[in-house]
C-alpha cells in the first residue's frame, strides 16, 4: 500500500458505515473510476462543501414557482 507523502493531511476522521453503504460506495468507486473509496469520499465531501450548482439551480426554480403561485393567490384574494 502506497502512502500519500506529497501532501499534508490535516486530520484523520473515522466514519462508521453500514454494510449496504460500503457496498454502494465500492460500486461507485469501480464504475466512476475513483482510485479508492477514500478518494470518492473526499470528492463527495468537497462537493458538499462547495455546494452543488445543479441543486441550487433546481432550488431556485422551485422557489420561483412558489413565489409566482403566491402572487397569483394574492390577486385571486383581492378580486374576491
N, C-alpha and C. Protein backbone atom coordinates (compact mmCIF):
# COMPACT_ATOMS: atom_id res chain seq x y z
N UNK A 1 0.84 -1.17 0.00
CA UNK A 1 0.00 0.00 0.00
C UNK A 1 0.89 1.24 0.00
N UNK A 2 0.63 2.15 -0.92
CA UNK A 2 1.42 3.37 -1.05
C UNK A 2 0.83 4.47 -0.19
N UNK A 3 1.67 5.15 0.55
CA UNK A 3 1.19 6.26 1.36
C UNK A 3 1.36 7.56 0.60
N UNK A 4 0.44 8.47 0.85
CA UNK A 4 0.48 9.77 0.19
C UNK A 4 1.39 10.69 0.99
N UNK A 5 2.64 10.84 0.53
CA UNK A 5 3.59 11.69 1.25
C UNK A 5 3.75 13.05 0.59
N UNK A 6 3.11 13.26 -0.58
CA UNK A 6 3.26 14.52 -1.29
C UNK A 6 2.47 15.66 -0.70
N UNK A 7 1.38 15.37 -0.07
CA UNK A 7 0.56 16.43 0.51
C UNK A 7 0.37 16.17 1.99
N UNK A 8 0.14 17.23 2.71
CA UNK A 8 -0.07 17.11 4.14
C UNK A 8 -1.55 17.07 4.42
N UNK A 9 -1.98 16.08 5.14
CA UNK A 9 -3.38 15.96 5.54
C UNK A 9 -3.51 16.52 6.95
N UNK A 10 -4.58 17.25 7.19
CA UNK A 10 -4.75 17.89 8.48
C UNK A 10 -5.18 16.92 9.57
N UNK A 11 -6.23 16.16 9.33
CA UNK A 11 -6.77 15.32 10.39
C UNK A 11 -7.32 14.04 9.80
N UNK A 12 -7.36 13.04 10.62
CA UNK A 12 -7.94 11.76 10.23
C UNK A 12 -9.32 11.68 10.87
N UNK A 13 -10.31 11.34 10.07
CA UNK A 13 -11.68 11.26 10.55
C UNK A 13 -12.18 9.84 10.34
N UNK A 14 -12.71 9.26 11.39
CA UNK A 14 -13.27 7.92 11.29
C UNK A 14 -14.79 7.98 11.16
N UNK A 15 -15.30 7.22 10.22
CA UNK A 15 -16.75 7.20 9.98
C UNK A 15 -17.20 5.74 9.92
N UNK A 16 -18.25 5.44 10.64
CA UNK A 16 -18.80 4.08 10.59
C UNK A 16 -19.88 4.03 9.52
N UNK A 17 -19.79 3.01 8.67
CA UNK A 17 -20.75 2.84 7.59
C UNK A 17 -21.47 1.51 7.75
N UNK A 18 -22.70 1.47 7.28
CA UNK A 18 -23.40 0.19 7.25
C UNK A 18 -22.81 -0.64 6.11
N UNK A 19 -23.08 -1.91 6.14
CA UNK A 19 -22.57 -2.78 5.07
C UNK A 19 -23.15 -2.37 3.72
N UNK A 20 -24.43 -1.97 3.73
CA UNK A 20 -25.08 -1.55 2.48
C UNK A 20 -24.40 -0.31 1.90
N UNK A 21 -24.07 0.65 2.78
CA UNK A 21 -23.38 1.85 2.31
C UNK A 21 -22.00 1.52 1.77
N UNK A 22 -21.30 0.63 2.43
CA UNK A 22 -19.96 0.25 1.97
C UNK A 22 -20.03 -0.42 0.60
N UNK A 23 -21.03 -1.27 0.41
CA UNK A 23 -21.19 -1.93 -0.90
C UNK A 23 -21.50 -0.90 -1.97
N UNK A 24 -22.38 0.04 -1.66
CA UNK A 24 -22.73 1.08 -2.63
C UNK A 24 -21.52 1.94 -2.97
N UNK A 25 -20.72 2.29 -1.97
CA UNK A 25 -19.51 3.09 -2.21
C UNK A 25 -18.53 2.31 -3.08
N UNK A 26 -18.34 1.03 -2.79
CA UNK A 26 -17.43 0.21 -3.60
C UNK A 26 -17.90 0.14 -5.06
N UNK A 27 -19.22 0.06 -5.26
CA UNK A 27 -19.75 0.02 -6.63
C UNK A 27 -19.47 1.33 -7.36
N UNK A 28 -19.68 2.45 -6.68
CA UNK A 28 -19.44 3.76 -7.29
C UNK A 28 -17.96 3.94 -7.59
N UNK A 29 -17.11 3.49 -6.70
CA UNK A 29 -15.67 3.62 -6.91
C UNK A 29 -15.26 2.91 -8.19
N UNK A 30 -15.78 1.71 -8.42
CA UNK A 30 -15.38 0.97 -9.62
C UNK A 30 -16.04 1.53 -10.87
N UNK A 31 -17.30 1.96 -10.80
CA UNK A 31 -17.97 2.43 -12.01
C UNK A 31 -17.51 3.82 -12.42
N UNK A 32 -17.17 4.68 -11.47
CA UNK A 32 -16.77 6.04 -11.81
C UNK A 32 -15.26 6.21 -11.89
N UNK A 33 -14.51 5.18 -11.57
CA UNK A 33 -13.07 5.22 -11.75
C UNK A 33 -12.28 5.95 -10.67
N UNK A 34 -12.79 6.00 -9.47
CA UNK A 34 -12.02 6.60 -8.37
C UNK A 34 -10.90 5.65 -7.99
N UNK A 35 -9.82 6.21 -7.47
CA UNK A 35 -8.66 5.42 -7.10
C UNK A 35 -8.95 4.53 -5.88
N UNK A 36 -9.80 5.01 -4.98
CA UNK A 36 -10.10 4.27 -3.76
C UNK A 36 -11.40 4.81 -3.16
N UNK A 37 -11.96 4.08 -2.22
CA UNK A 37 -13.13 4.62 -1.52
C UNK A 37 -12.83 5.95 -0.83
N UNK A 38 -11.62 6.09 -0.30
CA UNK A 38 -11.25 7.35 0.35
C UNK A 38 -11.27 8.51 -0.64
N UNK A 39 -10.80 8.27 -1.86
CA UNK A 39 -10.82 9.33 -2.88
C UNK A 39 -12.25 9.73 -3.21
N UNK A 40 -13.14 8.76 -3.30
CA UNK A 40 -14.56 9.06 -3.55
C UNK A 40 -15.16 9.86 -2.40
N UNK A 41 -14.87 9.46 -1.18
CA UNK A 41 -15.43 10.15 0.00
C UNK A 41 -14.89 11.57 0.08
N UNK A 42 -13.58 11.77 -0.21
CA UNK A 42 -13.03 13.12 -0.21
C UNK A 42 -13.70 13.98 -1.27
N UNK A 43 -13.94 13.41 -2.47
CA UNK A 43 -14.62 14.16 -3.53
C UNK A 43 -16.05 14.50 -3.13
N UNK A 44 -16.74 13.57 -2.48
CA UNK A 44 -18.11 13.82 -2.03
C UNK A 44 -18.14 14.94 -1.00
N UNK A 45 -17.20 14.92 -0.09
CA UNK A 45 -17.13 15.98 0.93
C UNK A 45 -16.85 17.32 0.27
N UNK A 46 -15.92 17.35 -0.66
CA UNK A 46 -15.59 18.59 -1.36
C UNK A 46 -16.81 19.14 -2.12
N UNK A 47 -17.55 18.25 -2.77
CA UNK A 47 -18.76 18.68 -3.49
C UNK A 47 -19.79 19.26 -2.54
N UNK A 48 -19.95 18.67 -1.39
CA UNK A 48 -20.91 19.18 -0.40
C UNK A 48 -20.47 20.52 0.15
N UNK A 49 -19.17 20.68 0.40
CA UNK A 49 -18.68 21.94 0.95
C UNK A 49 -18.78 23.08 -0.07
N UNK A 50 -18.57 22.77 -1.34
CA UNK A 50 -18.67 23.78 -2.39
C UNK A 50 -20.13 24.14 -2.66
N UNK A 51 -21.00 23.19 -2.45
CA UNK A 51 -22.39 23.38 -2.87
C UNK A 51 -22.53 22.83 -4.27
N UNK A 52 -23.62 22.18 -4.50
CA UNK A 52 -23.81 21.58 -5.81
C UNK A 52 -24.66 22.51 -6.66
N UNK A 53 -24.11 23.05 -7.75
CA UNK A 53 -24.84 24.03 -8.56
C UNK A 53 -26.12 23.47 -9.15
N UNK A 54 -26.15 22.18 -9.48
CA UNK A 54 -27.38 21.63 -10.06
C UNK A 54 -28.53 21.65 -9.05
N UNK A 55 -28.22 21.47 -7.78
CA UNK A 55 -29.27 21.54 -6.77
C UNK A 55 -29.68 22.98 -6.51
N UNK A 56 -28.72 23.87 -6.46
CA UNK A 56 -29.08 25.26 -6.20
C UNK A 56 -29.91 25.82 -7.34
N UNK A 57 -29.64 25.40 -8.57
CA UNK A 57 -30.43 25.84 -9.72
C UNK A 57 -31.85 25.29 -9.60
N UNK A 58 -31.97 24.03 -9.25
CA UNK A 58 -33.30 23.43 -9.08
C UNK A 58 -34.05 24.10 -7.94
N UNK A 59 -33.34 24.40 -6.86
CA UNK A 59 -33.97 25.08 -5.74
C UNK A 59 -34.46 26.46 -6.15
N UNK A 60 -33.69 27.16 -6.98
CA UNK A 60 -34.10 28.49 -7.44
C UNK A 60 -35.36 28.39 -8.31
N UNK A 61 -35.42 27.39 -9.16
CA UNK A 61 -36.60 27.20 -10.00
C UNK A 61 -37.84 26.90 -9.16
N UNK A 62 -37.67 26.06 -8.17
CA UNK A 62 -38.80 25.72 -7.30
C UNK A 62 -39.26 26.94 -6.51
N UNK A 63 -38.31 27.68 -5.98
CA UNK A 63 -38.64 28.89 -5.23
C UNK A 63 -39.37 29.89 -6.11
N UNK A 64 -38.90 30.05 -7.32
CA UNK A 64 -39.57 30.96 -8.26
C UNK A 64 -40.99 30.52 -8.55
N UNK A 65 -41.20 29.23 -8.65
CA UNK A 65 -42.55 28.71 -8.88
C UNK A 65 -43.47 29.01 -7.71
N UNK A 66 -42.96 28.83 -6.51
CA UNK A 66 -43.77 29.13 -5.32
C UNK A 66 -44.07 30.62 -5.21
N UNK A 67 -43.10 31.45 -5.53
CA UNK A 67 -43.33 32.90 -5.47
C UNK A 67 -44.40 33.31 -6.47
N UNK A 68 -44.36 32.72 -7.66
CA UNK A 68 -45.38 33.02 -8.66
C UNK A 68 -46.77 32.59 -8.19
N UNK A 69 -46.87 31.42 -7.59
CA UNK A 69 -48.16 30.96 -7.08
C UNK A 69 -48.64 31.85 -5.96
N UNK A 70 -47.74 32.33 -5.12
CA UNK A 70 -48.12 33.22 -4.04
C UNK A 70 -48.69 34.52 -4.58
N UNK A 71 -48.05 35.08 -5.61
CA UNK A 71 -48.56 36.31 -6.23
C UNK A 71 -49.94 36.07 -6.83
N UNK A 72 -50.12 34.94 -7.49
CA UNK A 72 -51.43 34.61 -8.07
C UNK A 72 -52.49 34.50 -6.99
N UNK A 73 -52.15 33.88 -5.86
CA UNK A 73 -53.12 33.76 -4.77
C UNK A 73 -53.52 35.13 -4.22
N UNK A 74 -52.57 36.03 -4.10
CA UNK A 74 -52.87 37.38 -3.62
C UNK A 74 -53.85 38.07 -4.59
N UNK A 75 -53.61 37.92 -5.87
CA UNK A 75 -54.51 38.52 -6.88
C UNK A 75 -55.92 37.94 -6.79
N UNK A 76 -56.01 36.64 -6.60
CA UNK A 76 -57.31 35.99 -6.51
C UNK A 76 -58.05 36.46 -5.27
N UNK A 77 -57.37 36.56 -4.14
CA UNK A 77 -58.00 37.00 -2.90
C UNK A 77 -58.49 38.44 -3.06
N UNK A 78 -57.68 39.31 -3.68
CA UNK A 78 -58.08 40.71 -3.88
C UNK A 78 -59.31 40.80 -4.77
N UNK A 79 -59.36 39.99 -5.79
CA UNK A 79 -60.50 40.08 -6.73
C UNK A 79 -61.79 39.54 -6.09
N UNK A 80 -61.69 38.69 -5.12
CA UNK A 80 -62.89 38.15 -4.46
C UNK A 80 -63.39 39.17 -3.47
